[in-house]
Amino acid sequence: MSFQELRPGETFCFSCHPDIPCFNACCRDLNQYLTPYDIVRLKNNLGLSSRQFLQRYTECHRGPRSSLPVVSLRMPATCPFVSSRGCTVYEDRPGACRTYPLGRIVRRKPGEGECTESYFVIREPHCLGFKEDKTWTLEAWKKSQRLEPYNRMNDLMMEIISLNNQSKRELNREEADLFYMACYDLDRFRDFAFQKGLWKETPLEIEHAGTALEEDVALMRFGMDWIKKRLFGV
């Protein structure tokens, strides 16, 4: 496997389709971490509550460099959502799957409001997609994979990770459970927020209410803002 930085203006060749012999090979034997936005998209696609999805399809552990809960897809051998014809949740597949064969690195310097991003090409020996003649620019790939909402929501999580790293403190069990609930188990957090009257402290704003996804995204933003105040005083 090799990693090559994708500089501004550079292009890469890639295409993945059922006629390639390696089709679905990248959906086996991997550690697939899930972001809060990944989980919202997947659980809505499958018609499950967040708790049902988390219990059925995921595992949780503490991050190796932090005490924050990290959620990964339970994958004994292959992805539970892959079939011989491809991904069964393709429209709502995780952000890492959409980004591949690129990887994304996000950096935030102290005192700066916005994140800076960079991309690199991941070349794995089994992947024959690079031999296809379809040429992409970075912007064209991002647009074709509809990455904008994933990147935007995932950067909100990066803010929390950055705060945790800066604080250099380890969450206790109660704090870790609050973090897990507010970021990953949204349906449980919704009940918790109503019981505790959290809306009175910070009103929940839904700019474009009307779909389950839009309402969940608004709740997710609220939960992340609440966690930053509750755990880090921001």
C-alpha atoms as a PDB file:
ATOM      1  CA  MET A   1       0.000   0.000   0.000  1.00  0.00           C
ATOM      2  CA  SER A   2       1.250   3.487  -0.808  1.00  0.00           C
ATOM      3  CA  PHE A   3       0.035   7.001  -0.039  1.00  0.00           C
ATOM      4  CA  GLN A   4       0.562   9.889  -2.414  1.00  0.00           C
ATOM      5  CA  GLU A   5      -0.378  13.460  -1.616  1.00  0.00           C
ATOM      6  CA  LEU A   6      -2.809  14.936  -4.110  1.00  0.00           C
ATOM      7  CA  ARG A   7      -1.578  18.440  -4.798  1.00  0.00           C
ATOM      8  CA  PRO A   8      -3.774  21.253  -6.135  1.00  0.00           C
ATOM      9  CA  GLY A   9      -4.453  20.787  -9.845  1.00  0.00           C
ATOM     10  CA  GLU A  10      -3.303  17.168  -9.935  1.00  0.00           C
ATOM     11  CA  THR A  11      -5.549  14.432 -11.287  1.00  0.00           C
ATOM     12  CA  PHE A  12      -5.852  10.703 -10.741  1.00  0.00           C
ATOM     13  CA  CYS A  13      -7.383   7.829 -12.712  1.00  0.00           C
ATOM     14  CA  PHE A  14      -9.905   5.593 -10.998  1.00  0.00           C
ATOM     15  CA  SER A  15     -13.169   3.764 -11.563  1.00  0.00           C
ATOM     16  CA  CYS A  16     -14.923   1.036  -9.609  1.00  0.00           C
ATOM     17  CA  HIS A  17     -17.677  -1.124 -11.098  1.00  0.00           C
ATOM     18  CA  PRO A  18     -18.934  -4.735 -11.008  1.00  0.00           C
ATOM     19  CA  ASP A  19     -16.880  -5.761 -14.054  1.00  0.00           C
ATOM     20  CA  ILE A  20     -13.572  -5.221 -12.248  1.00  0.00           C
ATOM     21  CA  PRO A  21     -12.197  -8.493 -10.780  1.00  0.00           C
ATOM     22  CA  CYS A  22     -11.450  -6.821  -7.432  1.00  0.00           C
ATOM     23  CA  PHE A  23     -15.029  -5.535  -7.027  1.00  0.00           C
ATOM     24  CA  ASN A  24     -16.006  -5.580  -3.318  1.00  0.00           C
ATOM     25  CA  ALA A  25     -12.460  -6.528  -2.249  1.00  0.00           C
ATOM     26  CA  CYS A  26     -12.077  -3.236  -0.375  1.00  0.00           C
ATOM     27  CA  CYS A  27     -15.155  -4.152   1.721  1.00  0.00           C
ATOM     28  CA  ARG A  28     -13.343  -7.013   3.482  1.00  0.00           C
ATOM     29  CA  ASP A  29     -10.953  -7.237   6.406  1.00  0.00           C
ATOM     30  CA  LEU A  30     -10.836  -3.594   7.418  1.00  0.00           C
ATOM     31  CA  ASN A  31     -11.403  -1.419  10.445  1.00  0.00           C
ATOM     32  CA  GLN A  32     -14.299   0.836   9.483  1.00  0.00           C
ATOM     33  CA  TYR A  33     -14.748   3.647  11.980  1.00  0.00           C
ATOM     34  CA  LEU A  34     -18.094   5.422  11.928  1.00  0.00           C
ATOM     35  CA  THR A  35     -18.700   9.086  12.572  1.00  0.00           C
ATOM     36  CA  PRO A  36     -21.932  10.395  14.118  1.00  0.00           C
ATOM     37  CA  TYR A  37     -23.118  11.525  10.679  1.00  0.00           C
ATOM     38  CA  ASP A  38     -22.348   8.092   9.208  1.00  0.00           C
ATOM     39  CA  ILE A  39     -24.545   6.497  11.861  1.00  0.00           C
ATOM     40  CA  VAL A  40     -27.447   8.877  11.275  1.00  0.00           C
ATOM     41  CA  ARG A  41     -27.429   8.203   7.546  1.00  0.00           C
ATOM     42  CA  LEU A  42     -27.141   4.438   7.966  1.00  0.00           C
ATOM     43  CA  LYS A  43     -29.759   3.994  10.687  1.00  0.00           C
ATOM     44  CA  ASN A  44     -32.266   6.088   8.729  1.00  0.00           C
ATOM     45  CA  ASN A  45     -31.536   4.096   5.564  1.00  0.00           C
ATOM     46  CA  LEU A  46     -32.220   0.849   7.441  1.00  0.00           C
ATOM     47  CA  GLY A  47     -35.278   2.144   9.293  1.00  0.00           C
ATOM     48  CA  LEU A  48     -33.696   1.535  12.705  1.00  0.00           C
ATOM     49  CA  SER A  49     -33.405   3.585  15.860  1.00  0.00           C
ATOM     50  CA  SER A  50     -29.891   4.675  16.760  1.00  0.00           C
ATOM     51  CA  ARG A  51     -29.815   2.184  19.630  1.00  0.00           C
ATOM     52  CA  GLN A  52     -30.937  -0.678  17.394  1.00  0.00           C
ATOM     53  CA  PHE A  53     -28.294   0.172  14.820  1.00  0.00           C
ATOM     54  CA  LEU A  54     -25.522   0.536  17.374  1.00  0.00           C
ATOM     55  CA  GLN A  55     -26.363  -2.744  19.110  1.00  0.00           C
ATOM     56  CA  ARG A  56     -26.756  -4.697  15.890  1.00  0.00           C
ATOM     57  CA  TYR A  57     -23.897  -3.404  13.775  1.00  0.00           C
ATOM     58  CA  THR A  58     -21.231  -1.670  15.861  1.00  0.00           C
ATOM     59  CA  GLU A  59     -18.605  -1.997  18.554  1.00  0.00           C
ATOM     60  CA  CYS A  60     -17.371   0.751  20.860  1.00  0.00           C
ATOM     61  CA  HIS A  61     -14.033   1.303  22.542  1.00  0.00           C
ATOM     62  CA  ARG A  62     -11.978   4.181  23.895  1.00  0.00           C
ATOM     63  CA  GLY A  63      -9.647   5.957  21.472  1.00  0.00           C
ATOM     64  CA  PRO A  64      -5.960   4.988  21.846  1.00  0.00           C
ATOM     65  CA  ARG A  65      -4.820   8.611  22.157  1.00  0.00           C
ATOM     66  CA  SER A  66      -7.849   9.910  24.020  1.00  0.00           C
ATOM     67  CA  SER A  67     -10.557   8.713  26.337  1.00  0.00           C
ATOM     68  CA  LEU A  68     -13.322   9.486  23.852  1.00  0.00           C
ATOM     69  CA  PRO A  69     -15.608   6.622  22.787  1.00  0.00           C
ATOM     70  CA  VAL A  70     -14.923   5.444  19.226  1.00  0.00           C
ATOM     71  CA  VAL A  71     -17.508   3.481  17.235  1.00  0.00           C
ATOM     72  CA  SER A  72     -16.555   0.994  14.524  1.00  0.00           C
ATOM     73  CA  LEU A  73     -18.561  -1.258  12.256  1.00  0.00           C
ATOM     74  CA  ARG A  74     -18.754  -4.858  13.473  1.00  0.00           C
ATOM     75  CA  MET A  75     -17.095  -6.736  10.648  1.00  0.00           C
ATOM     76  CA  PRO A  76     -16.071 -10.382  11.250  1.00  0.00           C
ATOM     77  CA  ALA A  77     -14.978 -10.830   7.627  1.00  0.00           C
ATOM     78  CA  THR A  78     -16.878  -8.566   5.256  1.00  0.00           C
ATOM     79  CA  CYS A  79     -18.994  -5.472   5.590  1.00  0.00           C
ATOM     80  CA  PRO A  80     -22.547  -6.431   6.639  1.00  0.00           C
ATOM     81  CA  PHE A  81     -23.918  -4.145   3.939  1.00  0.00           C
ATOM     82  CA  VAL A  82     -22.072  -5.561   0.945  1.00  0.00           C
ATOM     83  CA  SER A  83     -23.583  -8.032  -1.519  1.00  0.00           C
ATOM     84  CA  SER A  84     -22.326  -9.637  -4.712  1.00  0.00           C
ATOM     85  CA  ARG A  85     -23.873  -6.714  -6.572  1.00  0.00           C
ATOM     86  CA  GLY A  86     -22.222  -4.113  -4.411  1.00  0.00           C
ATOM     87  CA  CYS A  87     -23.148  -1.900  -1.490  1.00  0.00           C
ATOM     88  CA  THR A  88     -26.761  -2.272  -0.326  1.00  0.00           C
ATOM     89  CA  VAL A  89     -26.685   1.112   1.462  1.00  0.00           C
ATOM     90  CA  TYR A  90     -24.792   2.935  -1.274  1.00  0.00           C
ATOM     91  CA  GLU A  91     -26.747   6.210  -1.087  1.00  0.00           C
ATOM     92  CA  ASP A  92     -25.938   6.455   2.623  1.00  0.00           C
ATOM     93  CA  ARG A  93     -22.551   4.730   2.784  1.00  0.00           C
ATOM     94  CA  PRO A  94     -20.017   6.107   5.290  1.00  0.00           C
ATOM     95  CA  GLY A  95     -17.838   9.066   4.471  1.00  0.00           C
ATOM     96  CA  ALA A  96     -14.645   6.978   4.377  1.00  0.00           C
ATOM     97  CA  CYS A  97     -16.196   4.737   1.713  1.00  0.00           C
ATOM     98  CA  ARG A  98     -17.201   7.770  -0.330  1.00  0.00           C
ATOM     99  CA  THR A  99     -13.756   9.323  -0.090  1.00  0.00           C
ATOM    100  CA  TYR A 100     -11.874   6.155  -1.137  1.00  0.00           C
ATOM    101  CA  PRO A 101      -9.500   5.809  -2.974  1.00  0.00           C
ATOM    102  CA  LEU A 102      -8.608   9.127  -1.381  1.00  0.00           C
ATOM    103  CA  GLY A 103      -7.889   9.840   2.236  1.00  0.00           C
ATOM    104  CA  ARG A 104      -8.565  13.144   3.973  1.00  0.00           C
ATOM    105  CA  ILE A 105      -6.507  14.841   6.672  1.00  0.00           C
ATOM    106  CA  VAL A 106      -7.948  17.748   8.634  1.00  0.00           C
ATOM    107  CA  ARG A 107      -5.863  20.173  10.660  1.00  0.00           C
ATOM    108  CA  ARG A 108      -6.850  23.010  12.913  1.00  0.00           C
ATOM    109  CA  LYS A 109      -4.210  25.414  14.213  1.00  0.00           C
ATOM    110  CA  PRO A 110      -4.738  26.956  17.660  1.00  0.00           C
ATOM    111  CA  GLY A 111      -6.670  30.194  17.385  1.00  0.00           C
ATOM    112  CA  GLU A 112      -7.931  29.518  13.873  1.00  0.00           C
ATOM    113  CA  GLY A 113     -11.641  29.021  13.292  1.00  0.00           C
ATOM    114  CA  GLU A 114     -11.679  26.876  10.167  1.00  0.00           C
ATOM    115  CA  CYS A 115     -10.089  23.534   9.447  1.00  0.00           C
ATOM    116  CA  THR A 116      -7.625  23.050   6.627  1.00  0.00           C
ATOM    117  CA  GLU A 117      -7.841  19.849   4.634  1.00  0.00           C
ATOM    118  CA  SER A 118      -5.527  17.858   2.427  1.00  0.00           C
ATOM    119  CA  TYR A 119      -6.032  14.681   0.426  1.00  0.00           C
ATOM    120  CA  PHE A 120      -3.858  11.759  -0.557  1.00  0.00           C
ATOM    121  CA  VAL A 121      -4.326   8.839  -2.941  1.00  0.00           C
ATOM    122  CA  ILE A 122      -4.411   5.374  -1.354  1.00  0.00           C
ATOM    123  CA  ARG A 123      -2.990   2.747  -3.689  1.00  0.00           C
ATOM    124  CA  GLU A 124      -3.609  -0.813  -2.521  1.00  0.00           C
ATOM    125  CA  PRO A 125      -2.138  -3.812  -4.390  1.00  0.00           C
ATOM    126  CA  HIS A 126      -5.501  -5.492  -4.884  1.00  0.00           C
ATOM    127  CA  CYS A 127      -7.239  -2.433  -6.354  1.00  0.00           C
ATOM    128  CA  LEU A 128      -7.484  -2.494 -10.137  1.00  0.00           C
ATOM    129  CA  GLY A 129      -9.581   0.648 -10.312  1.00  0.00           C
ATOM    130  CA  PHE A 130      -6.464   2.727 -10.924  1.00  0.00           C
ATOM    131  CA  LYS A 131      -5.981   0.981 -14.262  1.00  0.00           C
ATOM    132  CA  GLU A 132      -9.248   2.414 -15.562  1.00  0.00           C
ATOM    133  CA  ASP A 133      -9.061   5.485 -17.801  1.00  0.00           C
ATOM    134  CA  LYS A 134     -11.561   7.653 -15.928  1.00  0.00           C
ATOM    135  CA  THR A 135      -9.698  10.829 -14.870  1.00  0.00           C
ATOM    136  CA  TRP A 136     -10.683  12.906 -11.853  1.00  0.00           C
ATOM    137  CA  THR A 137      -9.763  16.183 -10.268  1.00  0.00           C
ATOM    138  CA  LEU A 138     -10.161  16.421  -6.512  1.00  0.00           C
ATOM    139  CA  GLU A 139     -13.146  18.750  -6.769  1.00  0.00           C
ATOM    140  CA  ALA A 140     -14.865  16.552  -9.350  1.00  0.00           C
ATOM    141  CA  TRP A 141     -14.417  13.503  -7.133  1.00  0.00           C
ATOM    142  CA  LYS A 142     -15.747  15.282  -4.044  1.00  0.00           C
ATOM    143  CA  LYS A 143     -18.794  16.446  -5.976  1.00  0.00           C
ATOM    144  CA  SER A 144     -19.492  13.048  -7.540  1.00  0.00           C
ATOM    145  CA  GLN A 145     -19.333  11.343  -4.132  1.00  0.00           C
ATOM    146  CA  ARG A 146     -21.431  14.048  -2.408  1.00  0.00           C
ATOM    147  CA  LEU A 147     -18.813  14.513   0.272  1.00  0.00           C
ATOM    148  CA  GLU A 148     -19.669  18.054   1.336  1.00  0.00           C
ATOM    149  CA  PRO A 149     -22.226  17.254   4.086  1.00  0.00           C
ATOM    150  CA  TYR A 150     -20.051  14.419   5.399  1.00  0.00           C
ATOM    151  CA  ASN A 151     -16.963  16.613   5.621  1.00  0.00           C
ATOM    152  CA  ARG A 152     -18.908  19.480   7.164  1.00  0.00           C
ATOM    153  CA  MET A 153     -20.466  17.319   9.877  1.00  0.00           C
ATOM    154  CA  ASN A 154     -17.280  15.349  10.527  1.00  0.00           C
ATOM    155  CA  ASP A 155     -15.366  18.581  11.071  1.00  0.00           C
ATOM    156  CA  LEU A 156     -17.732  19.345  13.957  1.00  0.00           C
ATOM    157  CA  MET A 157     -16.551  16.146  15.611  1.00  0.00           C
ATOM    158  CA  MET A 158     -12.961  17.211  14.963  1.00  0.00           C
ATOM    159  CA  GLU A 159     -13.620  20.306  17.060  1.00  0.00           C
ATOM    160  CA  ILE A 160     -14.568  18.123  20.020  1.00  0.00           C
ATOM    161  CA  ILE A 161     -11.560  15.854  19.524  1.00  0.00           C
ATOM    162  CA  SER A 162      -9.327  18.933  19.419  1.00  0.00           C
ATOM    163  CA  LEU A 163     -10.848  20.260  22.641  1.00  0.00           C
ATOM    164  CA  ASN A 164     -10.308  16.918  24.312  1.00  0.00           C
ATOM    165  CA  ASN A 165      -6.676  16.809  23.173  1.00  0.00           C
ATOM    166  CA  GLN A 166      -6.084  20.321  24.433  1.00  0.00           C
ATOM    167  CA  SER A 167      -7.651  19.569  27.814  1.00  0.00           C
ATOM    168  CA  LYS A 168      -5.421  16.494  28.303  1.00  0.00           C
ATOM    169  CA  ARG A 169      -8.006  15.013  30.629  1.00  0.00           C
ATOM    170  CA  GLU A 170      -9.498  11.548  30.665  1.00  0.00           C
ATOM    171  CA  LEU A 171     -13.279  11.281  30.705  1.00  0.00           C
ATOM    172  CA  ASN A 172     -14.788   9.333  33.542  1.00  0.00           C
ATOM    173  CA  ARG A 173     -17.442   6.700  32.879  1.00  0.00           C
ATOM    174  CA  GLU A 174     -20.377   9.108  33.222  1.00  0.00           C
ATOM    175  CA  GLU A 175     -18.793  11.685  30.918  1.00  0.00           C
ATOM    176  CA  ALA A 176     -17.933   9.032  28.338  1.00  0.00           C
ATOM    177  CA  ASP A 177     -21.533   7.811  28.372  1.00  0.00           C
ATOM    178  CA  LEU A 178     -22.830  11.364  27.871  1.00  0.00           C
ATOM    179  CA  PHE A 179     -20.453  11.826  24.952  1.00  0.00           C
ATOM    180  CA  TYR A 180     -21.499   8.509  23.390  1.00  0.00           C
ATOM    181  CA  MET A 181     -25.184   9.326  23.814  1.00  0.00           C
ATOM    182  CA  ALA A 182     -25.059  12.888  22.473  1.00  0.00           C
ATOM    183  CA  CYS A 183     -22.856  12.055  19.488  1.00  0.00           C
ATOM    184  CA  TYR A 184     -23.832   8.529  18.502  1.00  0.00           C
ATOM    185  CA  ASP A 185     -27.086   7.442  20.206  1.00  0.00           C
ATOM    186  CA  LEU A 186     -29.246  10.346  19.058  1.00  0.00           C
ATOM    187  CA  ASP A 187     -32.615   8.767  19.810  1.00  0.00           C
ATOM    188  CA  ARG A 188     -31.604   8.211  23.436  1.00  0.00           C
ATOM    189  CA  PHE A 189     -30.197  11.736  23.567  1.00  0.00           C
ATOM    190  CA  ARG A 190     -33.501  13.124  22.267  1.00  0.00           C
ATOM    191  CA  ASP A 191     -35.330  11.533  25.209  1.00  0.00           C
ATOM    192  CA  PHE A 192     -32.623  12.703  27.614  1.00  0.00           C
ATOM    193  CA  ALA A 193     -32.817  16.275  26.323  1.00  0.00           C
ATOM    194  CA  PHE A 194     -36.581  16.429  26.826  1.00  0.00           C
ATOM    195  CA  GLN A 195     -36.364  14.923  30.310  1.00  0.00           C
ATOM    196  CA  LYS A 196     -33.641  17.345  31.395  1.00  0.00           C
ATOM    197  CA  GLY A 197     -35.150  20.350  29.621  1.00  0.00           C
ATOM    198  CA  LEU A 198     -31.984  21.065  27.677  1.00  0.00           C
ATOM    199  CA  TRP A 199     -33.960  23.039  25.089  1.00  0.00           C
ATOM    200  CA  LYS A 200     -34.482  25.717  27.749  1.00  0.00           C
ATOM    201  CA  GLU A 201     -30.728  26.301  27.985  1.00  0.00           C
ATOM    202  CA  THR A 202     -30.043  26.350  24.258  1.00  0.00           C
ATOM    203  CA  PRO A 203     -32.978  26.335  21.785  1.00  0.00           C
ATOM    204  CA  LEU A 204     -32.896  23.635  19.141  1.00  0.00           C
ATOM    205  CA  GLU A 205     -32.845  25.242  15.709  1.00  0.00           C
ATOM    206  CA  ILE A 206     -34.032  23.291  12.700  1.00  0.00           C
ATOM    207  CA  GLU A 207     -33.464  25.383   9.610  1.00  0.00           C
ATOM    208  CA  HIS A 208     -35.043  23.033   7.085  1.00  0.00           C
ATOM    209  CA  ALA A 209     -37.246  20.710   9.117  1.00  0.00           C
ATOM    210  CA  GLY A 210     -39.278  18.206   7.195  1.00  0.00           C
ATOM    211  CA  THR A 211     -37.297  14.989   6.994  1.00  0.00           C
ATOM    212  CA  ALA A 212     -35.911  12.608   9.574  1.00  0.00           C
ATOM    213  CA  LEU A 213     -32.374  13.286   8.355  1.00  0.00           C
ATOM    214  CA  GLU A 214     -32.709  17.068   8.662  1.00  0.00           C
ATOM    215  CA  GLU A 215     -34.156  16.768  12.149  1.00  0.00           C
ATOM    216  CA  ASP A 216     -31.462  14.311  13.220  1.00  0.00           C
ATOM    217  CA  VAL A 217     -28.721  16.579  11.863  1.00  0.00           C
ATOM    218  CA  ALA A 218     -30.146  19.511  13.825  1.00  0.00           C
ATOM    219  CA  LEU A 219     -30.270  17.348  16.947  1.00  0.00           C
ATOM    220  CA  MET A 220     -26.693  16.191  16.304  1.00  0.00           C
ATOM    221  CA  ARG A 221     -25.461  19.779  16.083  1.00  0.00           C
ATOM    222  CA  PHE A 222     -27.293  20.557  19.310  1.00  0.00           C
ATOM    223  CA  GLY A 223     -25.773  17.502  20.984  1.00  0.00           C
ATOM    224  CA  MET A 224     -22.243  18.392  19.955  1.00  0.00           C
ATOM    225  CA  ASP A 225     -22.656  21.975  21.166  1.00  0.00           C
ATOM    226  CA  TRP A 226     -24.050  20.668  24.461  1.00  0.00           C
ATOM    227  CA  ILE A 227     -21.151  18.228  24.880  1.00  0.00           C
ATOM    228  CA  LYS A 228     -18.596  21.006  24.282  1.00  0.00           C
ATOM    229  CA  LYS A 229     -20.206  23.067  27.047  1.00  0.00           C
ATOM    230  CA  ARG A 230     -20.841  20.150  29.395  1.00  0.00           C
ATOM    231  CA  LEU A 231     -17.391  18.560  29.180  1.00  0.00           C
ATOM    232  CA  PHE A 232     -15.071  21.368  28.102  1.00  0.00           C
ATOM    233  CA  GLY A 233     -16.851  24.570  29.121  1.00  0.00           C
ATOM    234  CA  VAL A 234     -16.839  25.988  25.589  1.00  0.00           C
END
